[in-house]
Amino acid sequence: MTSDQLEWFCCAYESGSFARAAKQHFVSRQAFGKAIRALESELRCTLFVRGETGVEPTPVAHAVYPLAKRCLSDLAHLKKESERVSSQRKTMRMALSDGVVELLPADFFDRIEERFPSVEFVFEKHFFASSLDLLSSGEVPFAITPGPVDRPGLDSVSLTSEPLFVAVPKRIMDRVPSRFSLEDLAKLPLFCLDDATPGDLGCRSLCASLGIEMNRITQYRDYEVILRKVNAGRPGVRPRSRKLVFAVVAGCVARAVSPR
């Protein structure tokens, strides 16, 4: 049983004609009659006596009519209330930098939406620099990035405490010696997101503190491209953690949607 069937039944009851009722609802006479027959079959009763001059409601139809009208009234109220609540939902854009999605827990997005049912989330993937641009311009309230932020007017909170890892294919890792020297690190070519942002996740400053120069390859701005290079046998810089603190992100969302 559908709301259309109930509405058409009430219209036929009030007009006494399938043809006039079908015309009011912009459907064919055949489609209208088929819908009423389906309703009668579902209710296991006859609602109308068909005649050449029109249709006559049966006693069952007289009994069902006020109930159908009440159902339609309740449904209209339900739709109106739903639209009212939906119009009050806030929309929040959340910028996710390249590589972040892979580090998030599998249920991260579901948990965020369950935690804030009144917020319509729009998750957007951007380059690291683009995420910061959106944040600086105020287009997004906050962004989740794979590294610290060093830009005037912006600050960052670390969600993880795990160190930086070098991701390599297992066939290479099997041949990596147990002791890794600074000379080895200096010779190792490392893929980093780019040279214009802190996309190397602090690896550059680490090497500087050790007095060595990083052999960085910075021509790629797409994290997935770097991972494909890593899978093909080239080392690359990436963080390795899925233990993001959900409470921190939820707290940022709560502050962003709360009245000022």
C-alpha atoms as a PDB file:
ATOM      1  CA  MET A   1       0.000   0.000   0.000  1.00  0.00           C
ATOM      2  CA  THR A   2       1.370   3.395  -1.005  1.00  0.00           C
ATOM      3  CA  SER A   3       0.406   6.964  -0.210  1.00  0.00           C
ATOM      4  CA  ASP A   4      -0.599   7.402  -3.858  1.00  0.00           C
ATOM      5  CA  GLN A   5      -3.071   4.532  -3.564  1.00  0.00           C
ATOM      6  CA  LEU A   6      -4.627   6.063  -0.454  1.00  0.00           C
ATOM      7  CA  GLU A   7      -4.815   9.485  -2.072  1.00  0.00           C
ATOM      8  CA  TRP A   8      -6.354   8.082  -5.246  1.00  0.00           C
ATOM      9  CA  PHE A   9      -8.855   6.054  -3.231  1.00  0.00           C
ATOM     10  CA  CYS A  10      -9.985   9.182  -1.373  1.00  0.00           C
ATOM     11  CA  CYS A  11     -10.254  11.125  -4.622  1.00  0.00           C
ATOM     12  CA  ALA A  12     -12.356   8.388  -6.244  1.00  0.00           C
ATOM     13  CA  TYR A  13     -14.529   8.182  -3.131  1.00  0.00           C
ATOM     14  CA  GLU A  14     -15.145  11.935  -3.194  1.00  0.00           C
ATOM     15  CA  SER A  15     -15.675  12.287  -6.954  1.00  0.00           C
ATOM     16  CA  GLY A  16     -17.546   9.024  -7.570  1.00  0.00           C
ATOM     17  CA  SER A  17     -15.608   8.542 -10.795  1.00  0.00           C
ATOM     18  CA  PHE A  18     -12.321   6.861 -11.641  1.00  0.00           C
ATOM     19  CA  ALA A  19     -12.045   8.945 -14.812  1.00  0.00           C
ATOM     20  CA  ARG A  20     -12.341  12.286 -13.012  1.00  0.00           C
ATOM     21  CA  ALA A  21     -10.022  11.146 -10.211  1.00  0.00           C
ATOM     22  CA  ALA A  22      -7.417   9.925 -12.724  1.00  0.00           C
ATOM     23  CA  LYS A  23      -7.586  13.250 -14.559  1.00  0.00           C
ATOM     24  CA  GLN A  24      -6.996  15.177 -11.333  1.00  0.00           C
ATOM     25  CA  HIS A  25      -3.835  13.176 -10.687  1.00  0.00           C
ATOM     26  CA  PHE A  26      -2.606  13.262 -14.295  1.00  0.00           C
ATOM     27  CA  VAL A  27      -2.606   9.494 -14.808  1.00  0.00           C
ATOM     28  CA  SER A  28      -4.434   7.288 -17.263  1.00  0.00           C
ATOM     29  CA  ARG A  29      -7.781   5.739 -16.422  1.00  0.00           C
ATOM     30  CA  GLN A  30      -6.226   2.298 -16.836  1.00  0.00           C
ATOM     31  CA  ALA A  31      -3.349   3.019 -14.441  1.00  0.00           C
ATOM     32  CA  PHE A  32      -5.750   4.480 -11.889  1.00  0.00           C
ATOM     33  CA  GLY A  33      -8.062   1.479 -12.027  1.00  0.00           C
ATOM     34  CA  LYS A  34      -5.121  -0.907 -11.741  1.00  0.00           C
ATOM     35  CA  ALA A  35      -3.893   0.878  -8.596  1.00  0.00           C
ATOM     36  CA  ILE A  36      -7.338   0.677  -6.967  1.00  0.00           C
ATOM     37  CA  ARG A  37      -7.612  -3.024  -7.821  1.00  0.00           C
ATOM     38  CA  ALA A  38      -4.205  -3.611  -6.240  1.00  0.00           C
ATOM     39  CA  LEU A  39      -5.385  -1.793  -3.107  1.00  0.00           C
ATOM     40  CA  GLU A  40      -8.551  -3.904  -2.984  1.00  0.00           C
ATOM     41  CA  SER A  41      -6.463  -7.045  -3.400  1.00  0.00           C
ATOM     42  CA  GLU A  42      -4.190  -6.021  -0.539  1.00  0.00           C
ATOM     43  CA  LEU A  43      -7.140  -5.183   1.735  1.00  0.00           C
ATOM     44  CA  ARG A  44      -9.015  -8.291   0.532  1.00  0.00           C
ATOM     45  CA  CYS A  45     -12.235  -6.387  -0.029  1.00  0.00           C
ATOM     46  CA  THR A  46     -14.195  -4.497  -2.668  1.00  0.00           C
ATOM     47  CA  LEU A  47     -14.062  -0.742  -2.257  1.00  0.00           C
ATOM     48  CA  PHE A  48     -16.123   0.332  -5.269  1.00  0.00           C
ATOM     49  CA  VAL A  49     -18.945  -1.054  -7.344  1.00  0.00           C
ATOM     50  CA  ARG A  50     -18.146  -0.188 -10.946  1.00  0.00           C
ATOM     51  CA  GLY A  51     -20.920   1.045 -13.223  1.00  0.00           C
ATOM     52  CA  GLU A  52     -21.342   2.727 -16.598  1.00  0.00           C
ATOM     53  CA  THR A  53     -21.979   6.108 -15.003  1.00  0.00           C
ATOM     54  CA  GLY A  54     -19.258   5.908 -12.381  1.00  0.00           C
ATOM     55  CA  VAL A  55     -18.345   4.062  -9.222  1.00  0.00           C
ATOM     56  CA  GLU A  56     -20.243   3.607  -5.999  1.00  0.00           C
ATOM     57  CA  PRO A  57     -18.354   3.240  -2.681  1.00  0.00           C
ATOM     58  CA  THR A  58     -19.111   0.058  -0.782  1.00  0.00           C
ATOM     59  CA  PRO A  59     -19.781  -0.076   2.991  1.00  0.00           C
ATOM     60  CA  VAL A  60     -16.135  -1.033   3.434  1.00  0.00           C
ATOM     61  CA  ALA A  61     -15.094   2.096   1.532  1.00  0.00           C
ATOM     62  CA  HIS A  62     -17.288   4.228   3.783  1.00  0.00           C
ATOM     63  CA  ALA A  63     -15.537   2.728   6.826  1.00  0.00           C
ATOM     64  CA  VAL A  64     -12.029   3.002   5.372  1.00  0.00           C
ATOM     65  CA  TYR A  65     -12.329   6.540   3.997  1.00  0.00           C
ATOM     66  CA  PRO A  66     -11.893   8.490   7.292  1.00  0.00           C
ATOM     67  CA  LEU A  67      -8.934   6.288   8.232  1.00  0.00           C
ATOM     68  CA  ALA A  68      -7.307   6.920   4.862  1.00  0.00           C
ATOM     69  CA  LYS A  69      -7.816  10.679   5.221  1.00  0.00           C
ATOM     70  CA  ARG A  70      -6.222  10.568   8.659  1.00  0.00           C
ATOM     71  CA  CYS A  71      -3.245   8.624   7.302  1.00  0.00           C
ATOM     72  CA  LEU A  72      -2.759  11.180   4.530  1.00  0.00           C
ATOM     73  CA  SER A  73      -2.980  14.015   7.034  1.00  0.00           C
ATOM     74  CA  ASP A  74      -0.388  12.363   9.282  1.00  0.00           C
ATOM     75  CA  LEU A  75       1.857  11.744   6.279  1.00  0.00           C
ATOM     76  CA  ALA A  76       1.641  15.390   5.218  1.00  0.00           C
ATOM     77  CA  HIS A  77       2.552  16.442   8.757  1.00  0.00           C
ATOM     78  CA  LEU A  78       5.456  13.989   8.752  1.00  0.00           C
ATOM     79  CA  LYS A  79       6.827  15.422   5.488  1.00  0.00           C
ATOM     80  CA  LYS A  80       6.447  18.985   6.718  1.00  0.00           C
ATOM     81  CA  GLU A  81       8.227  18.224   9.980  1.00  0.00           C
ATOM     82  CA  SER A  82      10.977  16.350   8.157  1.00  0.00           C
ATOM     83  CA  GLU A  83      11.537  19.307   5.834  1.00  0.00           C
ATOM     84  CA  ARG A  84      11.616  21.664   8.799  1.00  0.00           C
ATOM     85  CA  VAL A  85      14.258  19.625  10.608  1.00  0.00           C
ATOM     86  CA  SER A  86      16.277  19.102   7.428  1.00  0.00           C
ATOM     87  CA  SER A  87      16.320  22.829   6.755  1.00  0.00           C
ATOM     88  CA  GLN A  88      17.872  23.335  10.191  1.00  0.00           C
ATOM     89  CA  ARG A  89      20.762  20.937   9.535  1.00  0.00           C
ATOM     90  CA  LYS A  90      24.115  22.619   9.247  1.00  0.00           C
ATOM     91  CA  THR A  91      26.422  21.743   6.402  1.00  0.00           C
ATOM     92  CA  MET A  92      30.084  21.279   7.210  1.00  0.00           C
ATOM     93  CA  ARG A  93      32.830  20.892   4.654  1.00  0.00           C
ATOM     94  CA  MET A  94      35.792  18.883   5.895  1.00  0.00           C
ATOM     95  CA  ALA A  95      39.006  18.988   3.868  1.00  0.00           C
ATOM     96  CA  LEU A  96      41.056  15.788   3.827  1.00  0.00           C
ATOM     97  CA  SER A  97      44.575  16.044   2.453  1.00  0.00           C
ATOM     98  CA  ASP A  98      46.083  13.383   0.229  1.00  0.00           C
ATOM     99  CA  GLY A  99      46.956  10.255   2.172  1.00  0.00           C
ATOM    100  CA  VAL A 100      44.734  11.005   5.162  1.00  0.00           C
ATOM    101  CA  VAL A 101      41.829   8.728   4.211  1.00  0.00           C
ATOM    102  CA  GLU A 102      44.044   5.657   4.270  1.00  0.00           C
ATOM    103  CA  LEU A 103      45.125   6.484   7.819  1.00  0.00           C
ATOM    104  CA  LEU A 104      41.636   6.943   9.221  1.00  0.00           C
ATOM    105  CA  PRO A 105      39.844   4.077  10.983  1.00  0.00           C
ATOM    106  CA  ALA A 106      37.429   2.230   8.706  1.00  0.00           C
ATOM    107  CA  ASP A 107      34.414   3.459  10.679  1.00  0.00           C
ATOM    108  CA  PHE A 108      35.618   7.065  11.036  1.00  0.00           C
ATOM    109  CA  PHE A 109      33.067   8.690   8.704  1.00  0.00           C
ATOM    110  CA  ASP A 110      30.159   6.626  10.050  1.00  0.00           C
ATOM    111  CA  ARG A 111      31.063   7.528  13.631  1.00  0.00           C
ATOM    112  CA  ILE A 112      31.318  11.236  12.854  1.00  0.00           C
ATOM    113  CA  GLU A 113      27.893  11.248  11.181  1.00  0.00           C
ATOM    114  CA  GLU A 114      26.348   9.251  14.033  1.00  0.00           C
ATOM    115  CA  ARG A 115      27.911  11.596  16.599  1.00  0.00           C
ATOM    116  CA  PHE A 116      26.444  14.681  14.868  1.00  0.00           C
ATOM    117  CA  PRO A 117      23.119  13.699  13.221  1.00  0.00           C
ATOM    118  CA  SER A 118      22.136  17.363  12.772  1.00  0.00           C
ATOM    119  CA  VAL A 119      25.189  18.085  10.618  1.00  0.00           C
ATOM    120  CA  GLU A 120      25.387  17.399   6.887  1.00  0.00           C
ATOM    121  CA  PHE A 121      29.042  16.521   6.276  1.00  0.00           C
ATOM    122  CA  VAL A 122      30.742  17.091   2.942  1.00  0.00           C
ATOM    123  CA  PHE A 123      34.090  15.295   2.901  1.00  0.00           C
ATOM    124  CA  GLU A 124      36.466  16.657   0.270  1.00  0.00           C
ATOM    125  CA  LYS A 125      39.866  15.371  -0.793  1.00  0.00           C
ATOM    126  CA  HIS A 126      42.451  18.010  -1.694  1.00  0.00           C
ATOM    127  CA  PHE A 127      46.180  18.464  -2.108  1.00  0.00           C
ATOM    128  CA  PHE A 128      47.937  19.451   1.111  1.00  0.00           C
ATOM    129  CA  ALA A 129      48.394  23.067   0.003  1.00  0.00           C
ATOM    130  CA  SER A 130      44.811  23.298  -1.252  1.00  0.00           C
ATOM    131  CA  SER A 131      43.513  22.108   2.117  1.00  0.00           C
ATOM    132  CA  LEU A 132      45.427  24.885   3.838  1.00  0.00           C
ATOM    133  CA  ASP A 133      44.180  27.436   1.292  1.00  0.00           C
ATOM    134  CA  LEU A 134      40.574  26.450   2.013  1.00  0.00           C
ATOM    135  CA  LEU A 135      41.245  26.693   5.725  1.00  0.00           C
ATOM    136  CA  SER A 136      42.924  30.098   5.432  1.00  0.00           C
ATOM    137  CA  SER A 137      40.042  31.495   3.374  1.00  0.00           C
ATOM    138  CA  GLY A 138      37.468  30.218   5.873  1.00  0.00           C
ATOM    139  CA  GLU A 139      35.775  27.917   3.359  1.00  0.00           C
ATOM    140  CA  VAL A 140      36.287  24.958   5.696  1.00  0.00           C
ATOM    141  CA  PRO A 141      36.329  25.138   9.523  1.00  0.00           C
ATOM    142  CA  PHE A 142      39.225  22.723   9.783  1.00  0.00           C
ATOM    143  CA  ALA A 143      41.177  20.176   7.783  1.00  0.00           C
ATOM    144  CA  ILE A 144      42.818  16.840   8.501  1.00  0.00           C
ATOM    145  CA  THR A 145      46.334  16.817   7.094  1.00  0.00           C
ATOM    146  CA  PRO A 146      49.158  14.263   7.078  1.00  0.00           C
ATOM    147  CA  GLY A 147      51.641  16.688   8.591  1.00  0.00           C
ATOM    148  CA  PRO A 148      52.092  19.760  10.797  1.00  0.00           C
ATOM    149  CA  VAL A 149      50.924  23.171   9.589  1.00  0.00           C
ATOM    150  CA  ASP A 150      53.367  26.051   9.289  1.00  0.00           C
ATOM    151  CA  ARG A 151      51.351  28.969   7.957  1.00  0.00           C
ATOM    152  CA  PRO A 152      50.424  32.334   9.527  1.00  0.00           C
ATOM    153  CA  GLY A 153      47.009  32.296  11.169  1.00  0.00           C
ATOM    154  CA  LEU A 154      46.777  28.508  11.277  1.00  0.00           C
ATOM    155  CA  ASP A 155      47.622  26.000  13.954  1.00  0.00           C
ATOM    156  CA  SER A 156      47.626  22.219  14.096  1.00  0.00           C
ATOM    157  CA  VAL A 157      46.998  19.557  16.703  1.00  0.00           C
ATOM    158  CA  SER A 158      48.735  16.206  16.446  1.00  0.00           C
ATOM    159  CA  LEU A 159      46.287  13.315  16.411  1.00  0.00           C
ATOM    160  CA  THR A 160      48.948  10.628  16.544  1.00  0.00           C
ATOM    161  CA  SER A 161      52.046   9.938  18.550  1.00  0.00           C
ATOM    162  CA  GLU A 162      53.571   7.358  16.210  1.00  0.00           C
ATOM    163  CA  PRO A 163      56.915   8.163  14.535  1.00  0.00           C
ATOM    164  CA  LEU A 164      57.511   8.566  10.833  1.00  0.00           C
ATOM    165  CA  PHE A 165      58.011   5.382   8.844  1.00  0.00           C
ATOM    166  CA  VAL A 166      59.583   4.680   5.495  1.00  0.00           C
ATOM    167  CA  ALA A 167      57.228   2.449   3.534  1.00  0.00           C
ATOM    168  CA  VAL A 168      58.921  -0.064   1.263  1.00  0.00           C
ATOM    169  CA  PRO A 169      57.751  -3.191  -0.559  1.00  0.00           C
ATOM    170  CA  LYS A 170      58.247  -6.385   1.400  1.00  0.00           C
ATOM    171  CA  ARG A 171      60.704  -7.719  -1.153  1.00  0.00           C
ATOM    172  CA  ILE A 172      62.960  -4.750  -0.368  1.00  0.00           C
ATOM    173  CA  MET A 173      62.379  -4.913   3.380  1.00  0.00           C
ATOM    174  CA  ASP A 174      63.564  -8.523   3.364  1.00  0.00           C
ATOM    175  CA  ARG A 175      66.975  -7.293   2.241  1.00  0.00           C
ATOM    176  CA  VAL A 176      67.240  -4.257   4.524  1.00  0.00           C
ATOM    177  CA  PRO A 177      70.070  -4.790   7.052  1.00  0.00           C
ATOM    178  CA  SER A 178      69.219  -4.785  10.729  1.00  0.00           C
ATOM    179  CA  ARG A 179      71.463  -1.751  11.230  1.00  0.00           C
ATOM    180  CA  PHE A 180      70.651   1.289   9.147  1.00  0.00           C
ATOM    181  CA  SER A 181      73.388   3.955   8.976  1.00  0.00           C
ATOM    182  CA  LEU A 182      73.138   7.684   8.281  1.00  0.00           C
ATOM    183  CA  GLU A 183      75.047   7.078   5.048  1.00  0.00           C
ATOM    184  CA  ASP A 184      72.352   4.648   3.970  1.00  0.00           C
ATOM    185  CA  LEU A 185      69.689   7.248   4.730  1.00  0.00           C
ATOM    186  CA  ALA A 186      71.562   9.903   2.764  1.00  0.00           C
ATOM    187  CA  LYS A 187      71.734   7.636  -0.293  1.00  0.00           C
ATOM    188  CA  LEU A 188      68.114   6.471  -0.080  1.00  0.00           C
ATOM    189  CA  PRO A 189      65.831   8.259  -2.592  1.00  0.00           C
ATOM    190  CA  LEU A 190      62.630   9.301  -0.827  1.00  0.00           C
ATOM    191  CA  PHE A 191      59.374  10.271  -2.503  1.00  0.00           C
ATOM    192  CA  CYS A 192      57.715  13.215  -0.723  1.00  0.00           C
ATOM    193  CA  LEU A 193      54.440  14.937  -1.563  1.00  0.00           C
ATOM    194  CA  ASP A 194      56.057  18.127  -2.889  1.00  0.00           C
ATOM    195  CA  ASP A 195      58.613  20.786  -2.114  1.00  0.00           C
ATOM    196  CA  ALA A 196      56.259  23.701  -1.388  1.00  0.00           C
ATOM    197  CA  THR A 197      54.516  22.336   1.701  1.00  0.00           C
ATOM    198  CA  PRO A 198      55.510  20.462   4.863  1.00  0.00           C
ATOM    199  CA  GLY A 199      54.349  17.318   3.092  1.00  0.00           C
ATOM    200  CA  ASP A 200      57.495  15.407   4.052  1.00  0.00           C
ATOM    201  CA  LEU A 201      56.072  15.177   7.595  1.00  0.00           C
ATOM    202  CA  GLY A 202      59.201  16.506   9.284  1.00  0.00           C
ATOM    203  CA  CYS A 203      61.650  14.200   7.531  1.00  0.00           C
ATOM    204  CA  ARG A 204      63.531  17.192   6.097  1.00  0.00           C
ATOM    205  CA  SER A 205      64.109  18.740   9.529  1.00  0.00           C
ATOM    206  CA  LEU A 206      65.088  15.320  10.880  1.00  0.00           C
ATOM    207  CA  CYS A 207      67.801  14.933   8.279  1.00  0.00           C
ATOM    208  CA  ALA A 208      68.956  18.507   8.859  1.00  0.00           C
ATOM    209  CA  SER A 209      69.361  17.796  12.568  1.00  0.00           C
ATOM    210  CA  LEU A 210      71.504  14.769  11.676  1.00  0.00           C
ATOM    211  CA  GLY A 211      73.687  16.815   9.345  1.00  0.00           C
ATOM    212  CA  ILE A 212      72.728  14.966   6.167  1.00  0.00           C
ATOM    213  CA  GLU A 213      70.913  16.078   3.050  1.00  0.00           C
ATOM    214  CA  MET A 214      67.761  14.277   2.030  1.00  0.00           C
ATOM    215  CA  ASN A 215      67.673  12.699  -1.391  1.00  0.00           C
ATOM    216  CA  ARG A 216      64.106  13.863  -1.966  1.00  0.00           C
ATOM    217  CA  ILE A 217      61.983  13.318  -5.077  1.00  0.00           C
ATOM    218  CA  THR A 218      59.299  16.004  -4.989  1.00  0.00           C
ATOM    219  CA  GLN A 219      57.797  15.977  -8.491  1.00  0.00           C
ATOM    220  CA  TYR A 220      54.611  14.158  -7.426  1.00  0.00           C
ATOM    221  CA  ARG A 221      51.723  15.912  -5.668  1.00  0.00           C
ATOM    222  CA  ASP A 222      49.391  12.926  -5.478  1.00  0.00           C
ATOM    223  CA  TYR A 223      49.790  10.584  -2.517  1.00  0.00           C
ATOM    224  CA  GLU A 224      48.368   7.609  -4.405  1.00  0.00           C
ATOM    225  CA  VAL A 225      50.980   8.057  -7.146  1.00  0.00           C
ATOM    226  CA  ILE A 226      53.709   7.903  -4.515  1.00  0.00           C
ATOM    227  CA  LEU A 227      52.252   4.708  -3.070  1.00  0.00           C
ATOM    228  CA  ARG A 228      52.209   3.166  -6.535  1.00  0.00           C
ATOM    229  CA  LYS A 229      55.883   4.052  -6.850  1.00  0.00           C
ATOM    230  CA  VAL A 230      56.536   2.462  -3.465  1.00  0.00           C
ATOM    231  CA  ASN A 231      54.666  -0.673  -4.481  1.00  0.00           C
ATOM    232  CA  ALA A 232      56.770  -0.779  -7.633  1.00  0.00           C
ATOM    233  CA  GLY A 233      59.934  -0.914  -5.544  1.00  0.00           C
ATOM    234  CA  ARG A 234      60.875   2.655  -4.631  1.00  0.00           C
ATOM    235  CA  PRO A 235      61.023   3.823  -1.000  1.00  0.00           C
ATOM    236  CA  GLY A 236      58.706   6.645   0.014  1.00  0.00           C
ATOM    237  CA  VAL A 237      57.911   8.781   3.029  1.00  0.00           C
ATOM    238  CA  ARG A 238      54.567   8.162   4.691  1.00  0.00           C
ATOM    239  CA  PRO A 239      53.139   8.061   8.226  1.00  0.00           C
ATOM    240  CA  ARG A 240      51.930   4.688   9.368  1.00  0.00           C
ATOM    241  CA  SER A 241      49.141   4.896  11.897  1.00  0.00           C
ATOM    242  CA  ARG A 242      45.395   4.345  12.039  1.00  0.00           C
ATOM    243  CA  LYS A 243      45.065   5.423  15.674  1.00  0.00           C
ATOM    244  CA  LEU A 244      43.653   8.884  15.037  1.00  0.00           C
ATOM    245  CA  VAL A 245      41.988  10.307  18.110  1.00  0.00           C
ATOM    246  CA  PHE A 246      38.285  10.416  17.252  1.00  0.00           C
ATOM    247  CA  ALA A 247      37.537  12.622  20.237  1.00  0.00           C
ATOM    248  CA  VAL A 248      39.805  15.392  18.916  1.00  0.00           C
ATOM    249  CA  VAL A 249      38.062  15.511  15.546  1.00  0.00           C
ATOM    250  CA  ALA A 250      34.648  15.306  17.198  1.00  0.00           C
ATOM    251  CA  GLY A 251      35.641  18.176  19.456  1.00  0.00           C
ATOM    252  CA  CYS A 252      36.624  20.292  16.451  1.00  0.00           C
ATOM    253  CA  VAL A 253      33.276  19.562  14.803  1.00  0.00           C
ATOM    254  CA  ALA A 254      31.385  20.396  17.989  1.00  0.00           C
ATOM    255  CA  ARG A 255      33.135  23.746  18.291  1.00  0.00           C
ATOM    256  CA  ALA A 256      32.572  24.526  14.616  1.00  0.00           C
ATOM    257  CA  VAL A 257      28.810  23.879  14.721  1.00  0.00           C
ATOM    258  CA  SER A 258      28.120  25.375  18.137  1.00  0.00           C
ATOM    259  CA  PRO A 259      26.462  28.824  18.262  1.00  0.00           C
ATOM    260  CA  ARG A 260      28.932  31.673  18.633  1.00  0.00           C
END
